mmCIF file of all heavy atoms, coordinates in Angstrom:
data_MODEL
# 
_entry.id   MODEL 
# 
loop_
_atom_site.group_PDB 
_atom_site.id 
_atom_site.type_symbol 
_atom_site.label_atom_id 
_atom_site.label_alt_id 
_atom_site.label_comp_id 
_atom_site.label_asym_id 
_atom_site.label_entity_id 
_atom_site.label_seq_id 
_atom_site.pdbx_PDB_ins_code 
_atom_site.Cartn_x 
_atom_site.Cartn_y 
_atom_site.Cartn_z 
_atom_site.occupancy 
_atom_site.B_iso_or_equiv 
_atom_site.pdbx_formal_charge 
_atom_site.auth_seq_id 
_atom_site.auth_comp_id 
_atom_site.auth_asym_id 
_atom_site.auth_atom_id 
_atom_site.pdbx_PDB_model_num 
ATOM 1   N N   . VAL A 1 1  ? -9.434  3.066  0.867   1.00 0.00 ? 1  VAL A N   1 
ATOM 2   C CA  . VAL A 1 1  ? -8.046  3.359  1.241   1.00 0.00 ? 1  VAL A CA  1 
ATOM 3   C C   . VAL A 1 1  ? -7.202  3.502  -0.016  1.00 0.00 ? 1  VAL A C   1 
ATOM 4   O O   . VAL A 1 1  ? -7.388  2.767  -0.999  1.00 0.00 ? 1  VAL A O   1 
ATOM 5   C CB  . VAL A 1 1  ? -7.475  2.218  2.122   1.00 0.00 ? 1  VAL A CB  1 
ATOM 6   C CG1 . VAL A 1 1  ? -5.956  2.288  2.203   1.00 0.00 ? 1  VAL A CG1 1 
ATOM 7   C CG2 . VAL A 1 1  ? -8.073  2.264  3.519   1.00 0.00 ? 1  VAL A CG2 1 
ATOM 8   N N   . SER A 1 2  ? -6.272  4.448  0.018   1.00 0.00 ? 2  SER A N   1 
ATOM 9   C CA  . SER A 1 2  ? -5.148  4.433  -0.935  1.00 0.00 ? 2  SER A CA  1 
ATOM 10  C C   . SER A 1 2  ? -3.869  4.398  -0.110  1.00 0.00 ? 2  SER A C   1 
ATOM 11  O O   . SER A 1 2  ? -3.749  5.115  0.897   1.00 0.00 ? 2  SER A O   1 
ATOM 12  C CB  . SER A 1 2  ? -5.179  5.650  -1.859  1.00 0.00 ? 2  SER A CB  1 
ATOM 13  O OG  . SER A 1 2  ? -4.982  6.847  -1.126  1.00 0.00 ? 2  SER A OG  1 
ATOM 14  N N   . MET A 1 3  ? -2.948  3.547  -0.508  1.00 0.00 ? 3  MET A N   1 
ATOM 15  C CA  . MET A 1 3  ? -1.705  3.373  0.239   1.00 0.00 ? 3  MET A CA  1 
ATOM 16  C C   . MET A 1 3  ? -0.538  3.387  -0.733  1.00 0.00 ? 3  MET A C   1 
ATOM 17  O O   . MET A 1 3  ? -0.595  2.760  -1.794  1.00 0.00 ? 3  MET A O   1 
ATOM 18  C CB  . MET A 1 3  ? -1.720  2.066  1.035   1.00 0.00 ? 3  MET A CB  1 
ATOM 19  C CG  . MET A 1 3  ? -0.505  1.897  1.947   1.00 0.00 ? 3  MET A CG  1 
ATOM 20  S SD  . MET A 1 3  ? -0.588  0.392  2.977   1.00 0.00 ? 3  MET A SD  1 
ATOM 21  C CE  . MET A 1 3  ? -0.172  -0.866 1.751   1.00 0.00 ? 3  MET A CE  1 
ATOM 22  N N   . LEU A 1 4  ? 0.508   4.088  -0.361  1.00 0.00 ? 4  LEU A N   1 
ATOM 23  C CA  . LEU A 1 4  ? 1.707   4.207  -1.184  1.00 0.00 ? 4  LEU A CA  1 
ATOM 24  C C   . LEU A 1 4  ? 2.890   3.673  -0.385  1.00 0.00 ? 4  LEU A C   1 
ATOM 25  O O   . LEU A 1 4  ? 3.115   4.077  0.757   1.00 0.00 ? 4  LEU A O   1 
ATOM 26  C CB  . LEU A 1 4  ? 1.943   5.671  -1.549  1.00 0.00 ? 4  LEU A CB  1 
ATOM 27  C CG  . LEU A 1 4  ? 2.894   5.988  -2.699  1.00 0.00 ? 4  LEU A CG  1 
ATOM 28  C CD1 . LEU A 1 4  ? 2.337   5.454  -4.017  1.00 0.00 ? 4  LEU A CD1 1 
ATOM 29  C CD2 . LEU A 1 4  ? 3.116   7.498  -2.794  1.00 0.00 ? 4  LEU A CD2 1 
ATOM 30  N N   . ALA A 1 5  ? 3.633   2.728  -0.987  1.00 0.00 ? 5  ALA A N   1 
ATOM 31  C CA  . ALA A 1 5  ? 4.836   2.179  -0.368  1.00 0.00 ? 5  ALA A CA  1 
ATOM 32  C C   . ALA A 1 5  ? 6.033   2.621  -1.205  1.00 0.00 ? 5  ALA A C   1 
ATOM 33  O O   . ALA A 1 5  ? 6.263   2.103  -2.309  1.00 0.00 ? 5  ALA A O   1 
ATOM 34  C CB  . ALA A 1 5  ? 4.761   0.659  -0.289  1.00 0.00 ? 5  ALA A CB  1 
ATOM 35  N N   . ILE A 1 6  ? 6.785   3.596  -0.695  1.00 0.00 ? 6  ILE A N   1 
ATOM 36  C CA  . ILE A 1 6  ? 7.873   4.233  -1.442  1.00 0.00 ? 6  ILE A CA  1 
ATOM 37  C C   . ILE A 1 6  ? 9.175   3.505  -1.163  1.00 0.00 ? 6  ILE A C   1 
ATOM 38  O O   . ILE A 1 6  ? 9.545   3.269  -0.008  1.00 0.00 ? 6  ILE A O   1 
ATOM 39  C CB  . ILE A 1 6  ? 7.992   5.714  -1.034  1.00 0.00 ? 6  ILE A CB  1 
ATOM 40  C CG1 . ILE A 1 6  ? 6.642   6.412  -1.239  1.00 0.00 ? 6  ILE A CG1 1 
ATOM 41  C CG2 . ILE A 1 6  ? 9.078   6.409  -1.824  1.00 0.00 ? 6  ILE A CG2 1 
ATOM 42  C CD1 . ILE A 1 6  ? 6.555   7.767  -0.553  1.00 0.00 ? 6  ILE A CD1 1 
ATOM 43  N N   . ALA A 1 7  ? 9.891   3.160  -2.238  1.00 0.00 ? 7  ALA A N   1 
ATOM 44  C CA  . ALA A 1 7  ? 11.142  2.408  -2.109  1.00 0.00 ? 7  ALA A CA  1 
ATOM 45  C C   . ALA A 1 7  ? 12.214  3.245  -1.417  1.00 0.00 ? 7  ALA A C   1 
ATOM 46  O O   . ALA A 1 7  ? 12.182  4.480  -1.457  1.00 0.00 ? 7  ALA A O   1 
ATOM 47  C CB  . ALA A 1 7  ? 11.622  1.967  -3.484  1.00 0.00 ? 7  ALA A CB  1 
ATOM 48  N N   . PRO A 1 8  ? 13.189  2.598  -0.773  1.00 0.00 ? 8  PRO A N   1 
ATOM 49  C CA  . PRO A 1 8  ? 14.258  3.336  -0.091  1.00 0.00 ? 8  PRO A CA  1 
ATOM 50  C C   . PRO A 1 8  ? 15.035  4.272  -1.006  1.00 0.00 ? 8  PRO A C   1 
ATOM 51  O O   . PRO A 1 8  ? 15.509  5.322  -0.548  1.00 0.00 ? 8  PRO A O   1 
ATOM 52  C CB  . PRO A 1 8  ? 15.154  2.223  0.469   1.00 0.00 ? 8  PRO A CB  1 
ATOM 53  C CG  . PRO A 1 8  ? 14.238  1.046  0.631   1.00 0.00 ? 8  PRO A CG  1 
ATOM 54  C CD  . PRO A 1 8  ? 13.277  1.142  -0.515  1.00 0.00 ? 8  PRO A CD  1 
ATOM 55  N N   . ASP A 1 9  ? 15.161  3.936  -2.302  1.00 0.00 ? 9  ASP A N   1 
ATOM 56  C CA  . ASP A 1 9  ? 15.888  4.831  -3.203  1.00 0.00 ? 9  ASP A CA  1 
ATOM 57  C C   . ASP A 1 9  ? 15.017  5.974  -3.719  1.00 0.00 ? 9  ASP A C   1 
ATOM 58  O O   . ASP A 1 9  ? 15.499  6.846  -4.449  1.00 0.00 ? 9  ASP A O   1 
ATOM 59  C CB  . ASP A 1 9  ? 16.482  4.044  -4.379  1.00 0.00 ? 9  ASP A CB  1 
ATOM 60  C CG  . ASP A 1 9  ? 15.411  3.430  -5.283  1.00 0.00 ? 9  ASP A CG  1 
ATOM 61  O OD1 . ASP A 1 9  ? 14.202  3.687  -5.055  1.00 0.00 ? 9  ASP A OD1 1 
ATOM 62  O OD2 . ASP A 1 9  ? 15.774  2.699  -6.225  1.00 0.00 ? 9  ASP A OD2 1 
ATOM 63  N N   . ARG A 1 10 ? 13.733  5.983  -3.338  1.00 0.00 ? 10 ARG A N   1 
ATOM 64  C CA  . ARG A 1 10 ? 12.770  7.045  -3.656  1.00 0.00 ? 10 ARG A CA  1 
ATOM 65  C C   . ARG A 1 10 ? 12.456  7.177  -5.150  1.00 0.00 ? 10 ARG A C   1 
ATOM 66  O O   . ARG A 1 10 ? 11.773  8.107  -5.553  1.00 0.00 ? 10 ARG A O   1 
ATOM 67  C CB  . ARG A 1 10 ? 13.259  8.419  -3.148  1.00 0.00 ? 10 ARG A CB  1 
ATOM 68  C CG  . ARG A 1 10 ? 13.715  8.426  -1.707  1.00 0.00 ? 10 ARG A CG  1 
ATOM 69  C CD  . ARG A 1 10 ? 12.559  8.255  -0.756  1.00 0.00 ? 10 ARG A CD  1 
ATOM 70  N NE  . ARG A 1 10 ? 12.987  8.352  0.633   1.00 0.00 ? 10 ARG A NE  1 
ATOM 71  C CZ  . ARG A 1 10 ? 12.983  7.368  1.507   1.00 0.00 ? 10 ARG A CZ  1 
ATOM 72  N NH1 . ARG A 1 10 ? 12.568  6.158  1.133   1.00 0.00 ? 10 ARG A NH1 1 
ATOM 73  N NH2 . ARG A 1 10 ? 13.371  7.544  2.745   1.00 0.00 ? 10 ARG A NH2 1 
ATOM 74  N N   . ARG A 1 11 ? 12.900  6.237  -5.967  1.00 0.00 ? 11 ARG A N   1 
ATOM 75  C CA  . ARG A 1 11 ? 12.668  6.352  -7.406  1.00 0.00 ? 11 ARG A CA  1 
ATOM 76  C C   . ARG A 1 11 ? 11.474  5.525  -7.874  1.00 0.00 ? 11 ARG A C   1 
ATOM 77  O O   . ARG A 1 11 ? 11.070  5.624  -9.036  1.00 0.00 ? 11 ARG A O   1 
ATOM 78  C CB  . ARG A 1 11 ? 13.924  5.920  -8.185  1.00 0.00 ? 11 ARG A CB  1 
ATOM 79  C CG  . ARG A 1 11 ? 15.145  6.774  -7.856  1.00 0.00 ? 11 ARG A CG  1 
ATOM 80  C CD  . ARG A 1 11 ? 16.343  6.352  -8.706  1.00 0.00 ? 11 ARG A CD  1 
ATOM 81  N NE  . ARG A 1 11 ? 16.140  6.660  -10.119 1.00 0.00 ? 11 ARG A NE  1 
ATOM 82  C CZ  . ARG A 1 11 ? 16.455  7.821  -10.691 1.00 0.00 ? 11 ARG A CZ  1 
ATOM 83  N NH1 . ARG A 1 11 ? 16.991  8.804  -9.966  1.00 0.00 ? 11 ARG A NH1 1 
ATOM 84  N NH2 . ARG A 1 11 ? 16.237  8.008  -11.984 1.00 0.00 ? 11 ARG A NH2 1 
ATOM 85  N N   . SER A 1 12 ? 10.894  4.727  -6.994  1.00 0.00 ? 12 SER A N   1 
ATOM 86  C CA  . SER A 1 12 ? 9.732   3.922  -7.352  1.00 0.00 ? 12 SER A CA  1 
ATOM 87  C C   . SER A 1 12 ? 8.857   3.739  -6.122  1.00 0.00 ? 12 SER A C   1 
ATOM 88  O O   . SER A 1 12 ? 9.285   3.981  -4.989  1.00 0.00 ? 12 SER A O   1 
ATOM 89  C CB  . SER A 1 12 ? 10.155  2.555  -7.912  1.00 0.00 ? 12 SER A CB  1 
ATOM 90  O OG  . SER A 1 12 ? 10.801  1.789  -6.900  1.00 0.00 ? 12 SER A OG  1 
ATOM 91  N N   . ALA A 1 13 ? 7.635   3.301  -6.365  1.00 0.00 ? 13 ALA A N   1 
ATOM 92  C CA  . ALA A 1 13 ? 6.697   3.068  -5.271  1.00 0.00 ? 13 ALA A CA  1 
ATOM 93  C C   . ALA A 1 13 ? 5.641   2.082  -5.728  1.00 0.00 ? 13 ALA A C   1 
ATOM 94  O O   . ALA A 1 13 ? 5.395   1.917  -6.935  1.00 0.00 ? 13 ALA A O   1 
ATOM 95  C CB  . ALA A 1 13 ? 6.042   4.374  -4.827  1.00 0.00 ? 13 ALA A CB  1 
ATOM 96  N N   . ASP A 1 14 ? 5.024   1.418  -4.780  1.00 0.00 ? 14 ASP A N   1 
ATOM 97  C CA  . ASP A 1 14 ? 3.900   0.532  -5.057  1.00 0.00 ? 14 ASP A CA  1 
ATOM 98  C C   . ASP A 1 14 ? 2.626   1.224  -4.571  1.00 0.00 ? 14 ASP A C   1 
ATOM 99  O O   . ASP A 1 14 ? 2.552   1.702  -3.429  1.00 0.00 ? 14 ASP A O   1 
ATOM 100 C CB  . ASP A 1 14 ? 4.062   -0.810 -4.335  1.00 0.00 ? 14 ASP A CB  1 
ATOM 101 C CG  . ASP A 1 14 ? 5.159   -1.662 -4.950  1.00 0.00 ? 14 ASP A CG  1 
ATOM 102 O OD1 . ASP A 1 14 ? 5.435   -1.488 -6.149  1.00 0.00 ? 14 ASP A OD1 1 
ATOM 103 O OD2 . ASP A 1 14 ? 5.746   -2.490 -4.228  1.00 0.00 ? 14 ASP A OD2 1 
ATOM 104 N N   . LEU A 1 15 ? 1.624   1.271  -5.455  1.00 0.00 ? 15 LEU A N   1 
ATOM 105 C CA  . LEU A 1 15 ? 0.350   1.903  -5.137  1.00 0.00 ? 15 LEU A CA  1 
ATOM 106 C C   . LEU A 1 15 ? -0.700  0.824  -4.907  1.00 0.00 ? 15 LEU A C   1 
ATOM 107 O O   . LEU A 1 15 ? -0.869  -0.072 -5.729  1.00 0.00 ? 15 LEU A O   1 
ATOM 108 C CB  . LEU A 1 15 ? -0.084  2.824  -6.280  1.00 0.00 ? 15 LEU A CB  1 
ATOM 109 C CG  . LEU A 1 15 ? -1.471  3.467  -6.147  1.00 0.00 ? 15 LEU A CG  1 
ATOM 110 C CD1 . LEU A 1 15 ? -1.541  4.389  -4.940  1.00 0.00 ? 15 LEU A CD1 1 
ATOM 111 C CD2 . LEU A 1 15 ? -1.831  4.219  -7.431  1.00 0.00 ? 15 LEU A CD2 1 
ATOM 112 N N   . TYR A 1 16 ? -1.407  0.929  -3.778  1.00 0.00 ? 16 TYR A N   1 
ATOM 113 C CA  . TYR A 1 16 ? -2.506  0.025  -3.443  1.00 0.00 ? 16 TYR A CA  1 
ATOM 114 C C   . TYR A 1 16 ? -3.784  0.847  -3.362  1.00 0.00 ? 16 TYR A C   1 
ATOM 115 O O   . TYR A 1 16 ? -3.862  1.820  -2.603  1.00 0.00 ? 16 TYR A O   1 
ATOM 116 C CB  . TYR A 1 16 ? -2.260  -0.668 -2.101  1.00 0.00 ? 16 TYR A CB  1 
ATOM 117 C CG  . TYR A 1 16 ? -1.000  -1.504 -2.060  1.00 0.00 ? 16 TYR A CG  1 
ATOM 118 C CD1 . TYR A 1 16 ? 0.232   -0.920 -1.780  1.00 0.00 ? 16 TYR A CD1 1 
ATOM 119 C CD2 . TYR A 1 16 ? -1.046  -2.878 -2.285  1.00 0.00 ? 16 TYR A CD2 1 
ATOM 120 C CE1 . TYR A 1 16 ? 1.396   -1.685 -1.725  1.00 0.00 ? 16 TYR A CE1 1 
ATOM 121 C CE2 . TYR A 1 16 ? 0.111   -3.650 -2.236  1.00 0.00 ? 16 TYR A CE2 1 
ATOM 122 C CZ  . TYR A 1 16 ? 1.326   -3.044 -1.961  1.00 0.00 ? 16 TYR A CZ  1 
ATOM 123 O OH  . TYR A 1 16 ? 2.470   -3.805 -1.911  1.00 0.00 ? 16 TYR A OH  1 
ATOM 124 N N   . LEU A 1 17 ? -4.802  0.448  -4.120  1.00 0.00 ? 17 LEU A N   1 
ATOM 125 C CA  . LEU A 1 17 ? -6.075  1.151  -4.121  1.00 0.00 ? 17 LEU A CA  1 
ATOM 126 C C   . LEU A 1 17 ? -7.178  0.199  -3.683  1.00 0.00 ? 17 LEU A C   1 
ATOM 127 O O   . LEU A 1 17 ? -7.383  -0.862 -4.291  1.00 0.00 ? 17 LEU A O   1 
ATOM 128 C CB  . LEU A 1 17 ? -6.401  1.694  -5.512  1.00 0.00 ? 17 LEU A CB  1 
ATOM 129 C CG  . LEU A 1 17 ? -5.545  2.864  -6.013  1.00 0.00 ? 17 LEU A CG  1 
ATOM 130 C CD1 . LEU A 1 17 ? -5.915  3.191  -7.441  1.00 0.00 ? 17 LEU A CD1 1 
ATOM 131 C CD2 . LEU A 1 17 ? -5.723  4.083  -5.125  1.00 0.00 ? 17 LEU A CD2 1 
ATOM 132 N N   . ALA A 1 18 ? -7.892  0.595  -2.628  1.00 0.00 ? 18 ALA A N   1 
ATOM 133 C CA  . ALA A 1 18 ? -9.012  -0.196 -2.114  1.00 0.00 ? 18 ALA A CA  1 
ATOM 134 C C   . ALA A 1 18 ? -10.275 0.655  -2.231  1.00 0.00 ? 18 ALA A C   1 
ATOM 135 O O   . ALA A 1 18 ? -10.735 1.252  -1.254  1.00 0.00 ? 18 ALA A O   1 
ATOM 136 C CB  . ALA A 1 18 ? -8.756  -0.615 -0.671  1.00 0.00 ? 18 ALA A CB  1 
ATOM 137 N N   . GLY A 1 19 ? -10.807 0.752  -3.464  1.00 0.00 ? 19 GLY A N   1 
ATOM 138 C CA  . GLY A 1 19 ? -12.036 1.499  -3.687  1.00 0.00 ? 19 GLY A CA  1 
ATOM 139 C C   . GLY A 1 19 ? -11.918 2.986  -3.460  1.00 0.00 ? 19 GLY A C   1 
ATOM 140 O O   . GLY A 1 19 ? -12.929 3.674  -3.277  1.00 0.00 ? 19 GLY A O   1 
ATOM 141 N N   . HIS A 1 20 ? -10.709 3.520  -3.466  1.00 0.00 ? 20 HIS A N   1 
ATOM 142 C CA  . HIS A 1 20 ? -10.473 4.913  -3.085  1.00 0.00 ? 20 HIS A CA  1 
ATOM 143 C C   . HIS A 1 20 ? -10.148 5.761  -4.317  1.00 0.00 ? 20 HIS A C   1 
ATOM 144 O O   . HIS A 1 20 ? -9.664  5.238  -5.333  1.00 0.00 ? 20 HIS A O   1 
ATOM 145 C CB  . HIS A 1 20 ? -9.295  4.971  -2.104  1.00 0.00 ? 20 HIS A CB  1 
ATOM 146 C CG  . HIS A 1 20 ? -9.241  6.225  -1.291  1.00 0.00 ? 20 HIS A CG  1 
ATOM 147 N ND1 . HIS A 1 20 ? -9.994  6.420  -0.166  1.00 0.00 ? 20 HIS A ND1 1 
ATOM 148 C CD2 . HIS A 1 20 ? -8.521  7.360  -1.452  1.00 0.00 ? 20 HIS A CD2 1 
ATOM 149 C CE1 . HIS A 1 20 ? -9.740  7.613  0.342   1.00 0.00 ? 20 HIS A CE1 1 
ATOM 150 N NE2 . HIS A 1 20 ? -8.849  8.207  -0.426  1.00 0.00 ? 20 HIS A NE2 1 
ATOM 151 N N   . PRO A 1 21 ? -10.407 7.087  -4.246  1.00 0.00 ? 21 PRO A N   1 
ATOM 152 C CA  . PRO A 1 21 ? -10.006 7.955  -5.363  1.00 0.00 ? 21 PRO A CA  1 
ATOM 153 C C   . PRO A 1 21 ? -8.520  7.820  -5.683  1.00 0.00 ? 21 PRO A C   1 
ATOM 154 O O   . PRO A 1 21 ? -7.681  7.687  -4.793  1.00 0.00 ? 21 PRO A O   1 
ATOM 155 C CB  . PRO A 1 21 ? -10.334 9.357  -4.832  1.00 0.00 ? 21 PRO A CB  1 
ATOM 156 C CG  . PRO A 1 21 ? -11.432 9.154  -3.855  1.00 0.00 ? 21 PRO A CG  1 
ATOM 157 C CD  . PRO A 1 21 ? -11.143 7.832  -3.206  1.00 0.00 ? 21 PRO A CD  1 
ATOM 158 N N   . VAL A 1 22 ? -8.215  7.893  -6.970  1.00 0.00 ? 22 VAL A N   1 
ATOM 159 C CA  . VAL A 1 22 ? -6.841  7.695  -7.445  1.00 0.00 ? 22 VAL A CA  1 
ATOM 160 C C   . VAL A 1 22 ? -5.997  8.931  -7.113  1.00 0.00 ? 22 VAL A C   1 
ATOM 161 O O   . VAL A 1 22 ? -6.412  10.068 -7.378  1.00 0.00 ? 22 VAL A O   1 
ATOM 162 C CB  . VAL A 1 22 ? -6.841  7.439  -8.962  1.00 0.00 ? 22 VAL A CB  1 
ATOM 163 C CG1 . VAL A 1 22 ? -5.428  7.198  -9.464  1.00 0.00 ? 22 VAL A CG1 1 
ATOM 164 C CG2 . VAL A 1 22 ? -7.750  6.268  -9.293  1.00 0.00 ? 22 VAL A CG2 1 
ATOM 165 N N   . PRO A 1 23 ? -4.805  8.747  -6.530  1.00 0.00 ? 23 PRO A N   1 
ATOM 166 C CA  . PRO A 1 23 ? -3.936  9.883  -6.235  1.00 0.00 ? 23 PRO A CA  1 
ATOM 167 C C   . PRO A 1 23 ? -3.500  10.615 -7.503  1.00 0.00 ? 23 PRO A C   1 
ATOM 168 O O   . PRO A 1 23 ? -3.597  10.089 -8.617  1.00 0.00 ? 23 PRO A O   1 
ATOM 169 C CB  . PRO A 1 23 ? -2.733  9.248  -5.519  1.00 0.00 ? 23 PRO A CB  1 
ATOM 170 C CG  . PRO A 1 23 ? -3.254  7.943  -5.007  1.00 0.00 ? 23 PRO A CG  1 
ATOM 171 C CD  . PRO A 1 23 ? -4.262  7.487  -6.016  1.00 0.00 ? 23 PRO A CD  1 
ATOM 172 N N   . LEU A 1 24 ? -2.983  11.825 -7.307  1.00 0.00 ? 24 LEU A N   1 
ATOM 173 C CA  . LEU A 1 24 ? -2.501  12.646 -8.419  1.00 0.00 ? 24 LEU A CA  1 
ATOM 174 C C   . LEU A 1 24 ? -0.976  12.661 -8.422  1.00 0.00 ? 24 LEU A C   1 
ATOM 175 O O   . LEU A 1 24 ? -0.331  12.772 -7.373  1.00 0.00 ? 24 LEU A O   1 
ATOM 176 C CB  . LEU A 1 24 ? -3.000  14.082 -8.273  1.00 0.00 ? 24 LEU A CB  1 
ATOM 177 C CG  . LEU A 1 24 ? -4.503  14.330 -8.192  1.00 0.00 ? 24 LEU A CG  1 
ATOM 178 C CD1 . LEU A 1 24 ? -4.777  15.830 -8.099  1.00 0.00 ? 24 LEU A CD1 1 
ATOM 179 C CD2 . LEU A 1 24 ? -5.218  13.715 -9.383  1.00 0.00 ? 24 LEU A CD2 1 
# 
């Protein structure tokens, strides 16, 4: 899994990687 949690101001995000290919 790859999961992205984007902040309400859209200027930052938290990336969670569970053995998954890294996003671009």
